[in-house]
Amino acid sequence: MGVLNNLLEDSKSISQTFVYILYNNTNLLTLEDQKEALKNPCWSFWFAKVNIPGSDFKALQAKACE
C-alpha cells in the first residue's frame, strides 16, 4: 500500500502544474506562466489563444510555428 499512498499523495499536486491548468482551466494562467509556455510549440499556441494582457504574442507565435 505504500506505493498507492505515494501515488495518491503525488496526485494532489497535479492540478497545480502548468500543463494541467493550460488544458483544463485557462482562467488560472498568469503572465508568469508564459515562460513555461515558451518551452513547447503546442503550449505556446494554446497560451497565445488565451490572450493574457501583456504577454509576448510575437514570441509565442514564433514558438508555435516551429
C-alpha atoms as a PDB file:
ATOM      1  CA  MET A   1       0.000   0.000   0.000  1.00  0.00           C
ATOM      2  CA  GLY A   2       2.993   2.296   0.298  1.00  0.00           C
ATOM      3  CA  VAL A   3       3.199   2.829  -3.460  1.00  0.00           C
ATOM      4  CA  LEU A   4      -0.532   3.558  -3.697  1.00  0.00           C
ATOM      5  CA  ASN A   5      -0.339   6.058  -0.864  1.00  0.00           C
ATOM      6  CA  ASN A   6       2.589   7.776  -2.594  1.00  0.00           C
ATOM      7  CA  LEU A   7       0.648   7.980  -5.866  1.00  0.00           C
ATOM      8  CA  LEU A   8      -2.388   9.421  -4.123  1.00  0.00           C
ATOM      9  CA  GLU A   9      -0.237  11.969  -2.325  1.00  0.00           C
ATOM     10  CA  ASP A  10       1.540  12.965  -5.548  1.00  0.00           C
ATOM     11  CA  SER A  11      -1.749  13.297  -7.430  1.00  0.00           C
ATOM     12  CA  LYS A  12      -2.764  16.189  -5.158  1.00  0.00           C
ATOM     13  CA  SER A  13      -0.169  18.392  -6.876  1.00  0.00           C
ATOM     14  CA  ILE A  14      -1.293  17.585 -10.441  1.00  0.00           C
ATOM     15  CA  SER A  15      -3.884  20.347 -10.522  1.00  0.00           C
ATOM     16  CA  GLN A  16      -1.140  22.864  -9.775  1.00  0.00           C
ATOM     17  CA  THR A  17       1.021  22.010 -12.786  1.00  0.00           C
ATOM     18  CA  PHE A  18       1.222  24.309 -15.793  1.00  0.00           C
ATOM     19  CA  VAL A  19       0.052  21.692 -18.305  1.00  0.00           C
ATOM     20  CA  TYR A  20      -2.985  20.735 -16.233  1.00  0.00           C
ATOM     21  CA  ILE A  21      -4.004  24.386 -15.901  1.00  0.00           C
ATOM     22  CA  LEU A  22      -3.340  25.048 -19.596  1.00  0.00           C
ATOM     23  CA  TYR A  23      -5.629  22.263 -20.775  1.00  0.00           C
ATOM     24  CA  ASN A  24      -8.280  22.338 -18.053  1.00  0.00           C
ATOM     25  CA  ASN A  25      -8.681  25.781 -16.519  1.00  0.00           C
ATOM     26  CA  THR A  26      -7.066  28.583 -18.509  1.00  0.00           C
ATOM     27  CA  ASN A  27      -8.621  31.141 -16.149  1.00  0.00           C
ATOM     28  CA  LEU A  28      -5.803  30.352 -13.714  1.00  0.00           C
ATOM     29  CA  LEU A  29      -2.979  31.150 -16.159  1.00  0.00           C
ATOM     30  CA  THR A  30      -0.912  34.221 -15.413  1.00  0.00           C
ATOM     31  CA  LEU A  31       1.707  36.203 -17.281  1.00  0.00           C
ATOM     32  CA  GLU A  32       4.385  34.366 -15.285  1.00  0.00           C
ATOM     33  CA  ASP A  33       3.285  31.110 -16.962  1.00  0.00           C
ATOM     34  CA  GLN A  34       4.431  32.418 -20.350  1.00  0.00           C
ATOM     35  CA  LYS A  35       7.999  31.294 -19.635  1.00  0.00           C
ATOM     36  CA  GLU A  36       6.754  27.722 -19.250  1.00  0.00           C
ATOM     37  CA  ALA A  37       4.583  28.016 -22.374  1.00  0.00           C
ATOM     38  CA  LEU A  38       7.572  29.013 -24.479  1.00  0.00           C
ATOM     39  CA  LYS A  39       9.192  25.616 -23.863  1.00  0.00           C
ATOM     40  CA  ASN A  40       6.805  23.807 -26.205  1.00  0.00           C
ATOM     41  CA  PRO A  41       5.185  24.867 -29.526  1.00  0.00           C
ATOM     42  CA  CYS A  42       1.804  23.375 -28.609  1.00  0.00           C
ATOM     43  CA  TRP A  43       1.768  25.074 -25.214  1.00  0.00           C
ATOM     44  CA  SER A  44       2.750  28.373 -26.839  1.00  0.00           C
ATOM     45  CA  PHE A  45      -0.162  28.096 -29.251  1.00  0.00           C
ATOM     46  CA  TRP A  46      -2.735  27.483 -26.519  1.00  0.00           C
ATOM     47  CA  PHE A  47      -1.237  30.130 -24.234  1.00  0.00           C
ATOM     48  CA  ALA A  48      -1.455  32.673 -27.071  1.00  0.00           C
ATOM     49  CA  LYS A  49      -5.112  31.735 -27.637  1.00  0.00           C
ATOM     50  CA  VAL A  50      -5.892  32.662 -24.023  1.00  0.00           C
ATOM     51  CA  ASN A  51      -4.630  36.162 -24.888  1.00  0.00           C
ATOM     52  CA  ILE A  52      -3.385  37.261 -21.482  1.00  0.00           C
ATOM     53  CA  PRO A  53      -2.800  41.036 -21.455  1.00  0.00           C
ATOM     54  CA  GLY A  54       0.914  41.845 -21.519  1.00  0.00           C
ATOM     55  CA  SER A  55       2.010  38.513 -22.975  1.00  0.00           C
ATOM     56  CA  ASP A  56       4.661  38.492 -25.705  1.00  0.00           C
ATOM     57  CA  PHE A  57       2.455  37.395 -28.595  1.00  0.00           C
ATOM     58  CA  LYS A  58       5.277  37.529 -31.159  1.00  0.00           C
ATOM     59  CA  ALA A  59       7.471  35.170 -29.093  1.00  0.00           C
ATOM     60  CA  LEU A  60       4.537  32.812 -28.540  1.00  0.00           C
ATOM     61  CA  GLN A  61       3.698  32.894 -32.237  1.00  0.00           C
ATOM     62  CA  ALA A  62       7.295  32.185 -33.249  1.00  0.00           C
ATOM     63  CA  LYS A  63       7.496  29.197 -30.905  1.00  0.00           C
ATOM     64  CA  ALA A  64       4.094  27.884 -32.011  1.00  0.00           C
ATOM     65  CA  CYS A  65       5.223  27.985 -35.657  1.00  0.00           C
ATOM     66  CA  GLU A  66       8.265  25.778 -35.038  1.00  0.00           C
END
